[in-house]
PDB file of N, CA and C in Angstrom:
ATOM      1  N   MET A   1       0.859  -1.050  -0.121  1.00  0.00           N
ATOM      2  CA  MET A   1      -0.237   0.177   0.018  1.00  0.00           C
ATOM      3  C   MET A   1       0.813   1.174  -0.519  1.00  0.00           C
ATOM      4  N   LEU A   2       0.504   2.450  -0.618  1.00  0.00           N
ATOM      5  CA  LEU A   2       1.371   3.267  -0.717  1.00  0.00           C
ATOM      6  C   LEU A   2       0.752   4.009   0.243  1.00  0.00           C
ATOM      7  N   LYS A   3       1.942   4.644   1.130  1.00  0.00           N
ATOM      8  CA  LYS A   3       1.850   5.703   2.544  1.00  0.00           C
ATOM      9  C   LYS A   3       2.289   6.837   2.137  1.00  0.00           C
ATOM     10  N   GLU A   4       2.790   7.681   3.600  1.00  0.00           N
ATOM     11  CA  GLU A   4       3.264   8.692   3.686  1.00  0.00           C
ATOM     12  C   GLU A   4       3.493   9.414   4.624  1.00  0.00           C
ATOM     13  N   THR A   5       4.656  10.349   5.131  1.00  0.00           N
ATOM     14  CA  THR A   5       5.479  10.497   6.272  1.00  0.00           C
ATOM     15  C   THR A   5       6.355  11.394   6.106  1.00  0.00           C
ATOM     16  N   TYR A   6       6.631  11.707   7.182  1.00  0.00           N
ATOM     17  CA  TYR A   6       7.306  13.539   7.099  1.00  0.00           C
ATOM     18  C   TYR A   6       8.977  12.827   7.710  1.00  0.00           C
ATOM     19  N   LEU A   7       9.754  13.252   7.156  1.00  0.00           N
ATOM     20  CA  LEU A   7      11.615  12.981   7.728  1.00  0.00           C
ATOM     21  C   LEU A   7      11.460  12.722   9.295  1.00  0.00           C
ATOM     22  N   ALA A   8      11.225  13.468   9.989  1.00  0.00           N
ATOM     23  CA  ALA A   8      10.875  13.247  11.597  1.00  0.00           C
ATOM     24  C   ALA A   8      10.395  11.644  12.015  1.00  0.00           C
ATOM     25  N   ASN A   9       9.608  10.964  11.605  1.00  0.00           N
ATOM     26  CA  ASN A   9       8.718   9.982  11.263  1.00  0.00           C
ATOM     27  C   ASN A   9       9.326   8.535  11.132  1.00  0.00           C
ATOM     28  N   LEU A  10      10.389   9.005  10.212  1.00  0.00           N
ATOM     29  CA  LEU A  10      10.867   7.587   9.420  1.00  0.00           C
ATOM     30  C   LEU A  10      11.131   6.454  10.273  1.00  0.00           C
ATOM     31  N   ALA A  11      11.502   7.029  11.426  1.00  0.00           N
ATOM     32  CA  ALA A  11      12.149   5.455  12.177  1.00  0.00           C
ATOM     33  C   ALA A  11      10.699   4.809  13.181  1.00  0.00           C
ATOM     34  N   THR A  12       9.848   5.567  12.309  1.00  0.00           N
ATOM     35  CA  THR A  12       8.510   4.852  12.998  1.00  0.00           C
ATOM     36  C   THR A  12       8.068   4.319  12.217  1.00  0.00           C
ATOM     37  N   ILE A  13       8.453   3.955  10.640  1.00  0.00           N
ATOM     38  CA  ILE A  13       7.789   3.448   9.666  1.00  0.00           C
ATOM     39  C   ILE A  13       8.246   1.884  10.330  1.00  0.00           C
ATOM     40  N   PRO A  14       7.173   0.946   9.682  1.00  0.00           N
ATOM     41  CA  PRO A  14       7.654  -0.589  10.040  1.00  0.00           C
ATOM     42  C   PRO A  14       8.395  -1.143   9.641  1.00  0.00           C
ATOM     43  N   ILE A  15       9.727  -1.953  10.002  1.00  0.00           N
ATOM     44  CA  ILE A  15      10.906  -2.090   9.457  1.00  0.00           C
ATOM     45  C   ILE A  15      10.848  -2.946   7.764  1.00  0.00           C
ATOM     46  N   GLU A  16       9.750  -3.973   7.412  1.00  0.00           N
ATOM     47  CA  GLU A  16       9.206  -4.545   6.252  1.00  0.00           C
ATOM     48  C   GLU A  16       8.976  -3.549   5.047  1.00  0.00           C
ATOM     49  N   ALA A  17       8.384  -2.186   5.653  1.00  0.00           N
ATOM     50  CA  ALA A  17       8.133  -1.421   4.775  1.00  0.00           C
ATOM     51  C   ALA A  17       9.452  -0.578   4.011  1.00  0.00           C
ATOM     52  N   VAL A  18       9.106   0.264   2.870  1.00  0.00           N
ATOM     53  CA  VAL A  18      10.328   0.782   2.346  1.00  0.00           C
ATOM     54  C   VAL A  18      10.013   2.145   2.294  1.00  0.00           C
ATOM     55  N   GLY A  19      10.573   3.295   2.749  1.00  0.00           N
ATOM     56  CA  GLY A  19      10.531   3.958   2.424  1.00  0.00           C
ATOM     57  C   GLY A  19      11.323   5.000   1.204  1.00  0.00           C
ATOM     58  N   ILE A  20      10.418   6.027   0.752  1.00  0.00           N
ATOM     59  CA  ILE A  20      11.532   6.804  -0.547  1.00  0.00           C
ATOM     60  C   ILE A  20      11.157   8.212  -0.441  1.00  0.00           C
ATOM     61  N   ARG A  21      12.637   8.773  -0.751  1.00  0.00           N
ATOM     62  CA  ARG A  21      12.748  10.150   0.050  1.00  0.00           C
ATOM     63  C   ARG A  21      11.695  10.938  -1.642  1.00  0.00           C
ATOM     64  N   VAL A  22      11.085  11.792  -1.203  1.00  0.00           N
ATOM     65  CA  VAL A  22      10.291  12.710  -2.370  1.00  0.00           C
ATOM     66  C   VAL A  22      10.972  13.944  -2.372  1.00  0.00           C
ATOM     67  N   ALA A  23      12.223  14.205  -0.961  1.00  0.00           N
ATOM     68  CA  ALA A  23      12.663  15.563  -1.600  1.00  0.00           C
ATOM     69  C   ALA A  23      13.536  15.719  -2.428  1.00  0.00           C
ATOM     70  N   ARG A  24      14.306  17.114  -2.530  1.00  0.00           N
ATOM     71  CA  ARG A  24      15.223  17.037  -3.291  1.00  0.00           C
ATOM     72  C   ARG A  24      16.596  15.876  -2.270  1.00  0.00           C
ATOM     73  N   PRO A  25      17.057  15.422  -3.498  1.00  0.00           N
ATOM     74  CA  PRO A  25      17.640  15.656  -4.752  1.00  0.00           C
ATOM     75  C   PRO A  25      16.673  14.571  -5.372  1.00  0.00           C
ATOM     76  N   SER A  26      15.492  13.934  -4.769  1.00  0.00           N
ATOM     77  CA  SER A  26      14.724  13.141  -5.754  1.00  0.00           C
ATOM     78  C   SER A  26      14.478  13.692  -6.778  1.00  0.00           C
ATOM     79  N   ILE A  27      14.437  12.858  -7.829  1.00  0.00           N
ATOM     80  CA  ILE A  27      13.739  13.004  -9.216  1.00  0.00           C
ATOM     81  C   ILE A  27      12.413  13.389  -9.107  1.00  0.00           C
ATOM     82  N   LEU A  28      11.507  13.131  -7.682  1.00  0.00           N
ATOM     83  CA  LEU A  28      10.204  13.101  -7.506  1.00  0.00           C
ATOM     84  C   LEU A  28       9.846  14.269  -6.774  1.00  0.00           C
ATOM     85  N   ALA A  29      10.923  15.236  -6.496  1.00  0.00           N
ATOM     86  CA  ALA A  29      10.819  16.441  -6.198  1.00  0.00           C
ATOM     87  C   ALA A  29      10.774  17.825  -6.950  1.00  0.00           C
ATOM     88  N   PRO A  30       9.971  18.736  -6.433  1.00  0.00           N
ATOM     89  CA  PRO A  30       9.393  19.903  -7.470  1.00  0.00           C
ATOM     90  C   PRO A  30      10.657  20.428  -7.831  1.00  0.00           C
ATOM     91  N   ALA A  31      10.872  21.409  -8.978  1.00  0.00           N
ATOM     92  CA  ALA A  31      11.604  21.858  -9.769  1.00  0.00           C
ATOM     93  C   ALA A  31      11.930  23.063  -8.758  1.00  0.00           C
ATOM     94  N   GLU A  32      13.064  23.634  -8.443  1.00  0.00           N
ATOM     95  CA  GLU A  32      13.708  24.866  -7.758  1.00  0.00           C
ATOM     96  C   GLU A  32      13.150  25.837  -7.948  1.00  0.00           C
ATOM     97  N   SER A  33      12.972  26.085  -9.160  1.00  0.00           N
ATOM     98  CA  SER A  33      11.775  27.262  -9.166  1.00  0.00           C
ATOM     99  C   SER A  33      10.651  26.980  -8.581  1.00  0.00           C
ATOM    100  N   LEU A  34      10.295  26.480  -9.010  1.00  0.00           N
ATOM    101  CA  LEU A  34       8.799  25.798  -8.716  1.00  0.00           C
ATOM    102  C   LEU A  34       8.390  26.102  -7.046  1.00  0.00           C
ATOM    103  N   LEU A  35       9.529  25.441  -6.544  1.00  0.00           N
ATOM    104  CA  LEU A  35       9.679  25.654  -4.824  1.00  0.00           C
ATOM    105  C   LEU A  35       9.781  26.985  -4.376  1.00  0.00           C
ATOM    106  N   ALA A  36      10.477  27.427  -5.078  1.00  0.00           N
ATOM    107  CA  ALA A  36      10.836  29.123  -5.088  1.00  0.00           C
ATOM    108  C   ALA A  36       9.808  30.076  -5.260  1.00  0.00           C
ATOM    109  N   ASP A  37       8.725  30.024  -6.437  1.00  0.00           N
ATOM    110  CA  ASP A  37       7.492  30.715  -6.497  1.00  0.00           C
ATOM    111  C   ASP A  37       6.608  29.972  -5.093  1.00  0.00           C
ATOM    112  N   TRP A  38       6.354  29.084  -4.969  1.00  0.00           N
ATOM    113  CA  TRP A  38       5.726  28.792  -3.478  1.00  0.00           C
ATOM    114  C   TRP A  38       6.027  29.339  -2.322  1.00  0.00           C
ATOM    115  N   LYS A  39       7.108  29.140  -2.236  1.00  0.00           N
ATOM    116  CA  LYS A  39       7.681  29.612  -0.826  1.00  0.00           C
ATOM    117  C   LYS A  39       7.715  31.122  -0.983  1.00  0.00           C
ATOM    118  N   ALA A  40       7.798  31.893  -2.378  1.00  0.00           N
ATOM    119  CA  ALA A  40       7.653  33.756  -2.092  1.00  0.00           C
ATOM    120  C   ALA A  40       6.557  33.749  -1.904  1.00  0.00           C
ATOM    121  N   LYS A  41       5.368  32.804  -2.306  1.00  0.00           N
ATOM    122  CA  LYS A  41       4.202  33.587  -2.432  1.00  0.00           C
ATOM    123  C   LYS A  41       3.780  33.725  -3.658  1.00  0.00           C
ATOM    124  N   ARG A  42       4.600  33.935  -4.571  1.00  0.00           N
ATOM    125  CA  ARG A  42       4.283  34.291  -5.971  1.00  0.00           C
ATOM    126  C   ARG A  42       2.913  33.748  -6.688  1.00  0.00           C
ATOM    127  N   ILE A  43       2.556  32.195  -6.504  1.00  0.00           N
ATOM    128  CA  ILE A  43       1.468  31.584  -6.926  1.00  0.00           C
ATOM    129  C   ILE A  43       1.180  31.087  -5.665  1.00  0.00           C
ATOM    130  N   THR A  44      -0.367  30.209  -5.959  1.00  0.00           N
ATOM    131  CA  THR A  44      -0.730  29.924  -4.711  1.00  0.00           C
ATOM    132  C   THR A  44      -0.956  28.187  -4.946  1.00  0.00           C
ATOM    133  N   TRP A  45      -1.522  27.858  -4.289  1.00  0.00           N
ATOM    134  CA  TRP A  45      -1.292  25.726  -4.091  1.00  0.00           C
ATOM    135  C   TRP A  45      -2.011  25.071  -5.203  1.00  0.00           C
ATOM    136  N   ALA A  46      -3.064  25.664  -5.601  1.00  0.00           N
ATOM    137  CA  ALA A  46      -3.823  25.436  -6.988  1.00  0.00           C
ATOM    138  C   ALA A  46      -2.939  25.163  -7.805  1.00  0.00           C
ATOM    139  N   GLU A  47      -1.983  26.805  -8.214  1.00  0.00           N
ATOM    140  CA  GLU A  47      -0.928  26.937  -9.326  1.00  0.00           C
ATOM    141  C   GLU A  47       0.160  25.916  -9.110  1.00  0.00           C
ATOM    142  N   TYR A  48       0.748  25.801  -7.608  1.00  0.00           N
ATOM    143  CA  TYR A  48       1.892  24.781  -7.498  1.00  0.00           C
ATOM    144  C   TYR A  48       1.328  23.202  -8.259  1.00  0.00           C
ATOM    145  N   GLU A  49       0.165  22.957  -7.617  1.00  0.00           N
ATOM    146  CA  GLU A  49      -0.380  21.442  -7.608  1.00  0.00           C
ATOM    147  C   GLU A  49      -0.537  21.287  -9.436  1.00  0.00           C
ATOM    148  N   LEU A  50      -0.847  22.661 -10.023  1.00  0.00           N
ATOM    149  CA  LEU A  50      -0.936  21.983 -11.426  1.00  0.00           C
ATOM    150  C   LEU A  50       0.463  22.247 -11.879  1.00  0.00           C
ATOM    151  N   ARG A  51       0.833  23.049 -11.656  1.00  0.00           N
ATOM    152  CA  ARG A  51       2.630  23.140 -12.221  1.00  0.00           C
ATOM    153  C   ARG A  51       3.275  21.585 -12.332  1.00  0.00           C
ATOM    154  N   PHE A  52       3.093  21.182 -10.993  1.00  0.00           N
ATOM    155  CA  PHE A  52       4.014  19.986 -10.330  1.00  0.00           C
ATOM    156  C   PHE A  52       3.575  18.549 -10.904  1.00  0.00           C
ATOM    157  N   ARG A  53       1.992  18.383 -11.174  1.00  0.00           N
ATOM    158  CA  ARG A  53       1.663  17.360 -11.697  1.00  0.00           C
ATOM    159  C   ARG A  53       2.292  17.329 -13.446  1.00  0.00           C
ATOM    160  N   LYS A  54       2.128  18.288 -13.901  1.00  0.00           N
ATOM    161  CA  LYS A  54       2.850  18.703 -15.167  1.00  0.00           C
ATOM    162  C   LYS A  54       3.840  18.402 -15.424  1.00  0.00           C
ATOM    163  N   GLU A  55       5.246  18.952 -14.707  1.00  0.00           N
ATOM    164  CA  GLU A  55       6.135  18.588 -14.036  1.00  0.00           C
ATOM    165  C   GLU A  55       6.899  17.004 -14.257  1.00  0.00           C
ATOM    166  N   MET A  56       5.795  16.501 -13.473  1.00  0.00           N
ATOM    167  CA  MET A  56       5.828  15.184 -13.187  1.00  0.00           C
ATOM    168  C   MET A  56       5.736  14.429 -14.444  1.00  0.00           C
ATOM    169  N   LEU A  57       4.429  14.479 -15.029  1.00  0.00           N
ATOM    170  CA  LEU A  57       4.146  13.656 -15.883  1.00  0.00           C
ATOM    171  C   LEU A  57       4.307  13.766 -17.148  1.00  0.00           C
ATOM    172  N   SER A  58       5.536  15.419 -17.144  1.00  0.00           N
ATOM    173  CA  SER A  58       6.137  15.129 -18.546  1.00  0.00           C
ATOM    174  C   SER A  58       7.894  14.985 -18.284  1.00  0.00           C
ATOM    175  N   ASN A  59       8.066  13.989 -17.719  1.00  0.00           N
ATOM    176  CA  ASN A  59       9.306  13.544 -17.323  1.00  0.00           C
ATOM    177  C   ASN A  59       9.169  12.016 -17.468  1.00  0.00           C
ATOM    178  N   PRO A  60       9.626  11.561 -18.134  1.00  0.00           N
ATOM    179  CA  PRO A  60       9.449   9.819 -18.630  1.00  0.00           C
ATOM    180  C   PRO A  60      10.330   9.126 -17.463  1.00  0.00           C
ATOM    181  N   ASN A  61      11.364   9.292 -16.999  1.00  0.00           N
ATOM    182  CA  ASN A  61      12.042   8.976 -15.943  1.00  0.00           C
ATOM    183  C   ASN A  61      11.240   9.325 -14.613  1.00  0.00           C
ATOM    184  N   ALA A  62      10.535  10.510 -14.357  1.00  0.00           N
ATOM    185  CA  ALA A  62       9.769  10.533 -13.235  1.00  0.00           C
ATOM    186  C   ALA A  62       8.717   9.344 -13.223  1.00  0.00           C
ATOM    187  N   VAL A  63       8.427   9.254 -14.596  1.00  0.00           N
ATOM    188  CA  VAL A  63       6.723   8.659 -14.808  1.00  0.00           C
ATOM    189  C   VAL A  63       7.276   6.813 -14.457  1.00  0.00           C
ATOM    190  N   ASN A  64       7.996   6.454 -15.262  1.00  0.00           N
ATOM    191  CA  ASN A  64       8.605   5.511 -14.908  1.00  0.00           C
ATOM    192  C   ASN A  64       9.069   5.128 -13.075  1.00  0.00           C
ATOM    193  N   TYR A  65       9.681   6.069 -12.474  1.00  0.00           N
ATOM    194  CA  TYR A  65       9.902   5.745 -11.363  1.00  0.00           C
ATOM    195  C   TYR A  65       8.703   5.641 -10.470  1.00  0.00           C
ATOM    196  N   MET A  66       7.842   6.675 -10.978  1.00  0.00           N
ATOM    197  CA  MET A  66       6.421   6.405 -10.298  1.00  0.00           C
ATOM    198  C   MET A  66       5.493   4.611 -10.688  1.00  0.00           C
ATOM    199  N   ARG A  67       5.937   4.916 -11.725  1.00  0.00           N
ATOM    200  CA  ARG A  67       5.324   2.940 -12.057  1.00  0.00           C
ATOM    201  C   ARG A  67       5.991   2.246 -11.037  1.00  0.00           C
ATOM    202  N   ALA A  68       7.311   2.173 -11.093  1.00  0.00           N
ATOM    203  CA  ALA A  68       7.996   1.517 -10.108  1.00  0.00           C
ATOM    204  C   ALA A  68       7.668   1.571  -8.708  1.00  0.00           C
ATOM    205  N   ILE A  69       7.100   2.335  -8.130  1.00  0.00           N
ATOM    206  CA  ILE A  69       6.700   2.746  -6.871  1.00  0.00           C
ATOM    207  C   ILE A  69       5.429   1.952  -7.009  1.00  0.00           C
ATOM    208  N   LYS A  70       4.606   1.936  -7.889  1.00  0.00           N
ATOM    209  CA  LYS A  70       3.130   1.668  -7.533  1.00  0.00           C
ATOM    210  C   LYS A  70       3.351  -0.042  -8.062  1.00  0.00           C
ATOM    211  N   GLU A  71       4.265  -0.740  -8.448  1.00  0.00           N
ATOM    212  CA  GLU A  71       4.187  -1.773  -8.560  1.00  0.00           C
ATOM    213  C   GLU A  71       4.598  -2.318  -7.570  1.00  0.00           C
ATOM    214  N   LEU A  72       5.490  -1.766  -6.984  1.00  0.00           N
ATOM    215  CA  LEU A  72       6.166  -1.811  -5.354  1.00  0.00           C
ATOM    216  C   LEU A  72       5.264  -1.983  -4.207  1.00  0.00           C
ATOM    217  N   ALA A  73       4.292  -1.139  -4.712  1.00  0.00           N
ATOM    218  CA  ALA A  73       2.703  -0.778  -3.142  1.00  0.00           C
ATOM    219  C   ALA A  73       2.466  -1.906  -3.712  1.00  0.00           C
ATOM    220  N   THR A  74       2.399  -2.591  -4.340  1.00  0.00           N
ATOM    221  CA  THR A  74       1.352  -3.902  -4.425  1.00  0.00           C
ATOM    222  C   THR A  74       2.211  -5.209  -3.409  1.00  0.00           C
ATOM    223  N   LYS A  75       3.255  -5.054  -3.203  1.00  0.00           N
ATOM    224  CA  LYS A  75       3.874  -5.940  -2.548  1.00  0.00           C
ATOM    225  C   LYS A  75       4.391  -5.589  -1.133  1.00  0.00           C
ATOM    226  N   VAL A  76       5.112  -4.423  -0.535  1.00  0.00           N
ATOM    227  CA  VAL A  76       4.563  -4.007   0.559  1.00  0.00           C
ATOM    228  C   VAL A  76       4.214  -2.418   1.000  1.00  0.00           C
ATOM    229  N   ASP A  77       4.367  -2.362   2.029  1.00  0.00           N
ATOM    230  CA  ASP A  77       3.752  -0.896   1.802  1.00  0.00           C
ATOM    231  C   ASP A  77       5.619  -0.113   1.797  1.00  0.00           C
ATOM    232  N   VAL A  78       4.370   1.401   1.097  1.00  0.00           N
ATOM    233  CA  VAL A  78       5.763   2.049   0.629  1.00  0.00           C
ATOM    234  C   VAL A  78       5.275   3.409   0.973  1.00  0.00           C
ATOM    235  N   TYR A  79       6.334   4.360   1.680  1.00  0.00           N
ATOM    236  CA  TYR A  79       5.871   5.611   2.297  1.00  0.00           C
ATOM    237  C   TYR A  79       6.974   6.041   1.762  1.00  0.00           C
ATOM    238  N   LEU A  80       5.931   7.540   0.854  1.00  0.00           N
ATOM    239  CA  LEU A  80       6.788   8.498   0.250  1.00  0.00           C
ATOM    240  C   LEU A  80       7.251   9.658   1.320  1.00  0.00           C
ATOM    241  N   TYR A  81       8.212  10.039   1.925  1.00  0.00           N
ATOM    242  CA  TYR A  81       8.534  11.046   2.844  1.00  0.00           C
ATOM    243  C   TYR A  81       9.073  12.182   2.107  1.00  0.00           C
ATOM    244  N   CYS A  82       8.800  13.730   2.907  1.00  0.00           N
ATOM    245  CA  CYS A  82       9.617  14.615   2.454  1.00  0.00           C
ATOM    246  C   CYS A  82       9.958  15.252   4.036  1.00  0.00           C
ATOM    247  N   TYR A  83      10.106  16.623   4.218  1.00  0.00           N
ATOM    248  CA  TYR A  83      10.130  17.464   5.134  1.00  0.00           C
ATOM    249  C   TYR A  83       8.952  18.128   6.053  1.00  0.00           C
ATOM    250  N   GLU A  84       7.776  18.211   4.854  1.00  0.00           N
ATOM    251  CA  GLU A  84       6.631  18.854   5.237  1.00  0.00           C
ATOM    252  C   GLU A  84       5.950  18.346   6.605  1.00  0.00           C
ATOM    253  N   LYS A  85       5.476  18.277   7.411  1.00  0.00           N
ATOM    254  CA  LYS A  85       4.886  17.910   8.432  1.00  0.00           C
ATOM    255  C   LYS A  85       3.560  17.261   8.413  1.00  0.00           C
ATOM    256  N   ARG A  86       2.841  18.288   7.563  1.00  0.00           N
ATOM    257  CA  ARG A  86       1.204  17.783   7.061  1.00  0.00           C
ATOM    258  C   ARG A  86       1.334  18.641   5.371  1.00  0.00           C
ATOM    259  N   PRO A  87       0.334  18.366   5.115  1.00  0.00           N
ATOM    260  CA  PRO A  87      -0.315  19.541   3.997  1.00  0.00           C
ATOM    261  C   PRO A  87       0.043  20.735   3.948  1.00  0.00           C
ATOM    262  N   PRO A  88       0.175  21.670   3.035  1.00  0.00           N
ATOM    263  CA  PRO A  88       0.596  21.249   1.389  1.00  0.00           C
ATOM    264  C   PRO A  88       1.840  20.817   1.943  1.00  0.00           C
ATOM    265  N   CYS A  89       2.202  19.786   0.928  1.00  0.00           N
ATOM    266  CA  CYS A  89       2.998  18.895   0.193  1.00  0.00           C
ATOM    267  C   CYS A  89       3.335  18.063  -1.068  1.00  0.00           C
ATOM    268  N   HIS A  90       4.036  18.350  -1.682  1.00  0.00           N
ATOM    269  CA  HIS A  90       4.221  17.427  -2.661  1.00  0.00           C
ATOM    270  C   HIS A  90       3.805  15.830  -2.813  1.00  0.00           C
ATOM    271  N   ARG A  91       4.432  15.435  -1.687  1.00  0.00           N
ATOM    272  CA  ARG A  91       4.241  14.049  -1.350  1.00  0.00           C
ATOM    273  C   ARG A  91       2.465  13.423  -1.567  1.00  0.00           C
ATOM    274  N   PHE A  92       1.783  14.672  -1.416  1.00  0.00           N
ATOM    275  CA  PHE A  92       0.460  14.385  -1.401  1.00  0.00           C
ATOM    276  C   PHE A  92      -0.305  13.791  -2.522  1.00  0.00           C
ATOM    277  N   ILE A  93       0.320  14.928  -3.727  1.00  0.00           N
ATOM    278  CA  ILE A  93      -0.007  14.963  -4.833  1.00  0.00           C
ATOM    279  C   ILE A  93       0.670  13.851  -5.659  1.00  0.00           C
ATOM    280  N   LEU A  94       1.799  13.407  -5.191  1.00  0.00           N
ATOM    281  CA  LEU A  94       2.399  11.952  -5.531  1.00  0.00           C
ATOM    282  C   LEU A  94       1.680  10.749  -5.571  1.00  0.00           C
ATOM    283  N   ILE A  95       1.141  10.497  -4.247  1.00  0.00           N
ATOM    284  CA  ILE A  95       0.553   9.753  -3.923  1.00  0.00           C
ATOM    285  C   ILE A  95      -0.762   9.837  -5.103  1.00  0.00           C
ATOM    286  N   ASP A  96      -1.741  10.761  -5.562  1.00  0.00           N
ATOM    287  CA  ASP A  96      -2.310  10.577  -6.162  1.00  0.00           C
ATOM    288  C   ASP A  96      -2.218  10.495  -7.796  1.00  0.00           C
ATOM    289  N   LEU A  97      -1.036  11.018  -8.056  1.00  0.00           N
ATOM    290  CA  LEU A  97      -0.561  10.835  -9.476  1.00  0.00           C
ATOM    291  C   LEU A  97       0.013   9.205  -9.461  1.00  0.00           C
ATOM    292  N   ILE A  98       1.015   8.821  -8.787  1.00  0.00           N
ATOM    293  CA  ILE A  98       0.965   7.101  -8.708  1.00  0.00           C
ATOM    294  C   ILE A  98      -0.028   6.483  -8.860  1.00  0.00           C
ATOM    295  N   GLN A  99      -1.472   6.614  -8.004  1.00  0.00           N
ATOM    296  CA  GLN A  99      -2.288   5.516  -7.746  1.00  0.00           C
ATOM    297  C   GLN A  99      -3.258   5.889  -9.083  1.00  0.00           C
ATOM    298  N   GLY A 100      -3.029   6.839 -10.072  1.00  0.00           N
ATOM    299  CA  GLY A 100      -3.627   7.045 -11.201  1.00  0.00           C
ATOM    300  C   GLY A 100      -2.908   6.666 -12.458  1.00  0.00           C
ATOM    301  N   LEU A 101      -1.904   6.202 -12.106  1.00  0.00           N
ATOM    302  CA  LEU A 101      -1.079   5.875 -13.654  1.00  0.00           C
ATOM    303  C   LEU A 101      -1.566   4.555 -13.979  1.00  0.00           C
ATOM    304  N   GLU A 102      -1.615   4.171 -15.025  1.00  0.00           N
ATOM    305  CA  GLU A 102      -1.915   2.366 -15.405  1.00  0.00           C
ATOM    306  C   GLU A 102      -0.609   1.798 -15.570  1.00  0.00           C
TER     307      GLU A 102
END
């Protein structure tokens, strides 16, 4: 099953689970320019989400990695983790993207 957590909770995931870092420098992290726009409040979360989805889905390597994560999650619990404790965080968008892949 695909799940999420944040860096400070990483030690609490079950030993048989797989943790996948989606923070920089991961291929599944947002581009620096996108993150900078969000942090500087130049864009809304809705705009961030649209740009992030486009960024991920237009990158064949990211799509392949997300497909591999989806397959792995059929066998073991997979936790995507990042720095943010709660939403908004791109890992929640990634879960949605991964679950929606064919």
